[in-house]
Amino acid sequence: METTQSTDISLQNSRIVIAGGTSGIGFAVAQAAARAGAAVTIASSSLRRVQEALEHLPKGTRGEAVDFTDEARVSTFFERVGAFDHLVYTAGESLFLQTLAELSIAEARNAFDVRYWGAVTAVKHAAPYLRSGGSITLTSGVASSRPLPTWAIPSSILGAMESLTRALAVELAPLRVNAVKPGVLRTNLWSNMSEEDRNGLYEAVGNKLPVQRVGEASEVANAYLYLMQQGYSTGQVIVVDGGHMLV
């Protein structure tokens, strides 16, 4: 009988850096990775958010304030971190939604700086420190494939992240590079909306989905852990959307 060899990677005692790990998906990934036995470092542009997140994460979790649009600071951050196993990039501000006629080019460029160029900068300076068997997991979203009016900039950024994922998987091999593509979740991504508008969005979207609800960050976090642990996946964009792409 032919024997098979598992390529699954344990997260026990691995070192994971999560850019954007203070809230939303990133924070949920930090919680899940810590439960799996990993040593987690979270990073965010806000020291206050880092300190607040650390209060709710296991003892021993590290955190630093890092502006991922500042290449020099990103470089010195990874120098301090040293060798590690997995990079997760979920950093980004609230959604930037404007019609083309109303579009502020300066604000649109800033959105790209944080979400896209921040990811490029993080990967550039993290890659030399990633150990053999390590991985990079980026973040996209269903709007890359299912855009709505006012979503030109977010959809463009998310599409760029998916192309970046595939290109880096080729360039950085044998390091594995993947992305998670979530649907609508209850996170601070929507914090620029009023509570009433947010709840209305969750209800309207949830009612249209096959699962009849929007998702939670903790559910999507499992996809990031899967990609870190699954040693045969690279260049993949994993959709976790409650069936959004079907409807």
Protein backbone atom coordinates (compact mmCIF):
# COMPACT_ATOMS: atom_id res chain seq x y z
CA MET A 1 0.00 0.00 0.00
CA GLU A 2 1.28 3.47 -0.89
CA THR A 3 2.07 5.62 2.13
CA THR A 4 1.29 9.32 2.28
CA GLN A 5 3.26 12.04 3.98
CA SER A 6 1.46 14.86 5.76
CA THR A 7 2.57 18.41 4.96
CA ASP A 8 0.51 19.95 7.76
CA ILE A 9 2.48 22.43 9.88
CA SER A 10 1.91 22.79 13.60
CA LEU A 11 1.56 26.31 14.97
CA GLN A 12 2.73 25.18 18.41
CA ASN A 13 5.71 27.38 19.39
CA SER A 14 5.75 29.06 15.97
CA ARG A 15 6.24 32.83 15.76
CA ILE A 16 3.53 34.81 13.95
CA VAL A 17 3.47 38.52 13.12
CA ILE A 18 0.05 40.05 12.43
CA ALA A 19 -0.03 43.50 10.83
CA GLY A 20 -3.40 44.94 11.77
CA GLY A 21 -3.73 42.54 14.69
CA THR A 22 -5.46 44.97 17.04
CA SER A 23 -9.01 44.69 15.73
CA GLY A 24 -11.36 42.87 13.40
CA ILE A 25 -9.96 39.94 11.44
CA GLY A 26 -6.39 40.53 12.58
CA PHE A 27 -7.35 40.44 16.25
CA ALA A 28 -9.39 37.27 15.70
CA VAL A 29 -6.38 35.66 13.98
CA ALA A 30 -4.19 36.67 16.93
CA GLN A 31 -6.61 35.03 19.37
CA ALA A 32 -6.88 31.84 17.32
CA ALA A 33 -3.12 31.58 16.73
CA ALA A 34 -2.41 32.06 20.44
CA ARG A 35 -4.90 29.28 21.28
CA ALA A 36 -3.01 27.06 18.84
CA GLY A 37 0.17 27.61 20.83
CA ALA A 38 1.86 30.25 18.69
CA ALA A 39 3.91 33.17 19.97
CA VAL A 40 2.11 36.17 18.48
CA THR A 41 3.29 39.71 17.75
CA ILE A 42 0.64 42.24 16.73
CA ALA A 43 1.35 45.54 15.01
CA SER A 44 -0.82 48.58 14.33
CA SER A 45 -0.30 52.26 13.56
CA SER A 46 -1.96 53.16 16.88
CA LEU A 47 -0.13 52.54 20.17
CA ARG A 48 -3.42 52.92 22.03
CA ARG A 49 -5.05 50.16 19.96
CA VAL A 50 -2.02 47.93 20.49
CA GLN A 51 -2.20 48.39 24.26
CA GLU A 52 -5.96 47.77 24.34
CA ALA A 53 -5.62 44.61 22.23
CA LEU A 54 -2.83 43.22 24.42
CA GLU A 55 -5.14 43.48 27.44
CA HIS A 56 -7.41 40.90 25.77
CA LEU A 57 -4.73 38.56 24.41
CA PRO A 58 -2.78 35.88 26.32
CA LYS A 59 0.17 36.87 28.47
CA GLY A 60 3.34 36.82 26.40
CA THR A 61 1.74 38.30 23.29
CA ARG A 62 3.89 41.13 21.98
CA GLY A 63 2.75 44.33 20.31
CA GLU A 64 4.26 47.36 18.62
CA ALA A 65 3.02 50.56 16.99
CA VAL A 66 4.18 50.49 13.37
CA ASP A 67 3.14 52.74 10.48
CA PHE A 68 3.29 50.37 7.51
CA THR A 69 3.44 53.31 5.09
CA ASP A 70 6.82 54.26 6.62
CA GLU A 71 9.38 51.92 5.06
CA ALA A 72 12.19 52.79 7.46
CA ARG A 73 10.03 51.99 10.49
CA VAL A 74 8.82 48.76 8.90
CA SER A 75 12.41 47.70 8.22
CA THR A 76 13.54 48.34 11.80
CA PHE A 77 10.42 46.59 13.14
CA PHE A 78 11.27 43.34 11.37
CA GLU A 79 14.92 43.66 12.40
CA ARG A 80 13.72 43.71 16.02
CA VAL A 81 11.37 40.78 15.45
CA GLY A 82 14.11 38.63 13.92
CA ALA A 83 13.43 35.14 12.59
CA PHE A 84 9.77 34.10 12.54
CA ASP A 85 7.42 31.71 10.77
CA HIS A 86 4.29 33.41 9.45
CA LEU A 87 3.24 36.90 8.40
CA VAL A 88 -0.42 37.91 8.28
CA TYR A 89 -1.40 41.28 6.79
CA THR A 90 -4.88 42.59 7.59
CA ALA A 91 -4.01 46.27 8.15
CA GLY A 92 -6.29 48.96 6.75
CA GLU A 93 -8.49 51.86 7.74
CA SER A 94 -12.28 52.08 7.41
CA LEU A 95 -13.61 51.67 3.89
CA PHE A 96 -13.13 54.57 1.47
CA LEU A 97 -16.40 54.80 -0.47
CA GLN A 98 -16.96 57.62 -2.98
CA THR A 99 -18.45 57.97 -6.43
CA LEU A 100 -15.98 58.76 -9.20
CA ALA A 101 -17.38 62.29 -9.49
CA GLU A 102 -16.81 62.92 -5.75
CA LEU A 103 -13.49 61.11 -5.61
CA SER A 104 -10.62 62.70 -3.71
CA ILE A 105 -7.50 61.45 -5.47
CA ALA A 106 -5.37 62.27 -2.42
CA GLU A 107 -7.59 60.17 -0.13
CA ALA A 108 -7.71 57.37 -2.70
CA ARG A 109 -3.91 57.31 -2.84
CA ASN A 110 -3.79 57.17 0.95
CA ALA A 111 -6.13 54.16 0.92
CA PHE A 112 -3.78 52.40 -1.51
CA ASP A 113 -0.78 53.38 0.63
CA VAL A 114 -2.17 51.65 3.73
CA ARG A 115 -3.79 48.57 2.25
CA TYR A 116 -1.71 47.78 -0.85
CA TRP A 117 1.66 49.51 -0.51
CA GLY A 118 1.67 48.76 3.21
CA ALA A 119 1.37 45.07 2.38
CA VAL A 120 4.14 45.30 -0.23
CA THR A 121 6.41 47.06 2.27
CA ALA A 122 5.67 44.53 5.00
CA VAL A 123 6.38 41.56 2.74
CA LYS A 124 9.58 43.12 1.35
CA HIS A 125 11.09 43.56 4.79
CA ALA A 126 9.59 40.45 6.42
CA ALA A 127 10.61 37.91 3.76
CA PRO A 128 14.33 37.76 4.70
CA TYR A 129 13.37 36.80 8.27
CA LEU A 130 10.82 34.10 7.43
CA ARG A 131 12.02 30.61 8.27
CA SER A 132 11.91 27.64 5.92
CA GLY A 133 8.34 26.35 5.68
CA GLY A 134 6.99 29.80 6.50
CA SER A 135 4.10 31.63 4.93
CA ILE A 136 2.59 35.00 4.12
CA THR A 137 -1.18 35.50 4.18
CA LEU A 138 -2.68 38.69 2.75
CA THR A 139 -6.27 39.93 2.78
CA SER A 140 -8.65 40.62 -0.09
CA GLY A 141 -12.46 40.75 -0.12
CA VAL A 142 -15.46 39.81 -2.24
CA ALA A 143 -15.72 43.37 -3.58
CA SER A 144 -12.78 42.55 -5.85
CA SER A 145 -15.19 40.38 -7.84
CA ARG A 146 -18.58 41.85 -6.88
CA PRO A 147 -18.15 45.66 -6.77
CA LEU A 148 -20.95 48.10 -6.02
CA PRO A 149 -21.33 51.80 -6.91
CA THR A 150 -18.86 53.91 -4.83
CA TRP A 151 -16.57 50.86 -4.46
CA ALA A 152 -14.12 51.68 -7.29
CA ILE A 153 -11.15 52.27 -4.98
CA PRO A 154 -11.70 49.44 -2.45
CA SER A 155 -12.44 46.99 -5.29
CA SER A 156 -9.28 48.06 -7.11
CA ILE A 157 -7.16 47.61 -3.98
CA LEU A 158 -8.60 44.16 -3.29
CA GLY A 159 -8.05 43.07 -6.88
CA ALA A 160 -4.47 44.29 -6.69
CA MET A 161 -3.95 42.29 -3.49
CA GLU A 162 -5.05 39.10 -5.25
CA SER A 163 -2.66 39.69 -8.16
CA LEU A 164 0.10 40.50 -5.68
CA THR A 165 -0.57 37.23 -3.88
CA ARG A 166 -0.11 35.15 -7.01
CA ALA A 167 2.98 37.07 -8.17
CA LEU A 168 4.68 36.81 -4.78
CA ALA A 169 3.92 33.09 -4.57
CA VAL A 170 6.04 32.67 -7.69
CA GLU A 171 8.79 35.15 -6.76
CA LEU A 172 9.24 34.14 -3.12
CA ALA A 173 8.93 30.36 -3.53
CA PRO A 174 9.36 28.12 -1.62
CA LEU A 175 7.81 30.53 0.89
CA ARG A 176 4.07 30.14 0.55
CA VAL A 177 1.94 33.23 -0.20
CA ASN A 178 -1.86 33.12 -0.06
CA ALA A 179 -4.79 35.42 0.65
CA VAL A 180 -8.15 35.20 2.36
CA LYS A 181 -11.15 36.77 0.63
CA PRO A 182 -13.89 37.42 3.21
CA GLY A 183 -17.44 38.56 2.67
CA VAL A 184 -19.29 41.04 4.87
CA LEU A 185 -18.33 40.64 8.54
CA ARG A 186 -19.25 42.35 11.78
CA THR A 187 -16.01 44.32 12.21
CA ASN A 188 -14.80 47.88 12.60
CA LEU A 189 -14.32 48.03 8.82
CA TRP A 190 -17.73 49.68 8.80
CA SER A 191 -17.00 52.11 11.64
CA ASN A 192 -17.44 55.13 9.39
CA MET A 193 -21.17 54.27 9.23
CA SER A 194 -23.73 55.03 11.92
CA GLU A 195 -24.84 52.11 14.10
CA GLU A 196 -28.26 52.20 12.45
CA ASP A 197 -26.74 52.07 8.96
CA ARG A 198 -24.36 49.27 9.98
CA ASN A 199 -27.15 47.13 11.37
CA GLY A 200 -29.20 47.83 8.27
CA LEU A 201 -26.30 46.69 6.10
CA TYR A 202 -25.82 43.49 8.11
CA GLU A 203 -29.51 42.67 7.87
CA ALA A 204 -29.83 43.47 4.17
CA VAL A 205 -26.74 41.51 3.18
CA GLY A 206 -27.42 38.64 5.57
CA ASN A 207 -30.94 38.12 4.25
CA LYS A 208 -29.57 37.61 0.73
CA LEU A 209 -26.91 35.08 1.66
CA PRO A 210 -27.48 31.31 1.61
CA VAL A 211 -26.39 31.18 5.27
CA GLN A 212 -28.90 33.94 6.12
CA ARG A 213 -26.44 36.10 8.10
CA VAL A 214 -23.20 38.03 7.81
CA GLY A 215 -20.02 36.51 9.19
CA GLU A 216 -17.93 36.97 12.30
CA ALA A 217 -14.20 37.69 12.30
CA SER A 218 -13.56 34.53 14.32
CA GLU A 219 -14.99 32.40 11.51
CA VAL A 220 -12.69 33.93 8.91
CA ALA A 221 -9.68 33.64 11.24
CA ASN A 222 -9.84 29.87 10.80
CA ALA A 223 -9.00 30.32 7.10
CA TYR A 224 -5.78 32.15 7.97
CA LEU A 225 -4.76 29.36 10.33
CA TYR A 226 -5.54 26.78 7.65
CA LEU A 227 -3.26 28.54 5.16
CA MET A 228 -0.45 28.78 7.70
CA GLN A 229 -0.73 25.08 8.52
CA GLN A 230 -1.42 23.66 5.05
CA GLY A 231 2.03 23.23 3.50
CA TYR A 232 0.84 22.49 -0.06
CA SER A 233 -1.17 25.66 -0.73
CA THR A 234 0.40 28.70 -2.35
CA GLY A 235 -0.84 31.40 -4.70
CA GLN A 236 -4.40 30.72 -3.53
CA VAL A 237 -7.19 33.14 -2.66
CA ILE A 238 -9.54 31.41 -0.22
CA VAL A 239 -13.12 32.72 -0.23
CA VAL A 240 -14.99 32.75 3.10
CA ASP A 241 -18.16 34.68 2.33
CA GLY A 242 -21.30 32.82 3.41
CA GLY A 243 -22.14 32.24 -0.25
CA HIS A 244 -21.88 35.90 -1.30
CA MET A 245 -20.20 34.99 -4.60
CA LEU A 246 -23.21 32.83 -5.50
CA VAL A 247 -25.84 35.54 -5.15
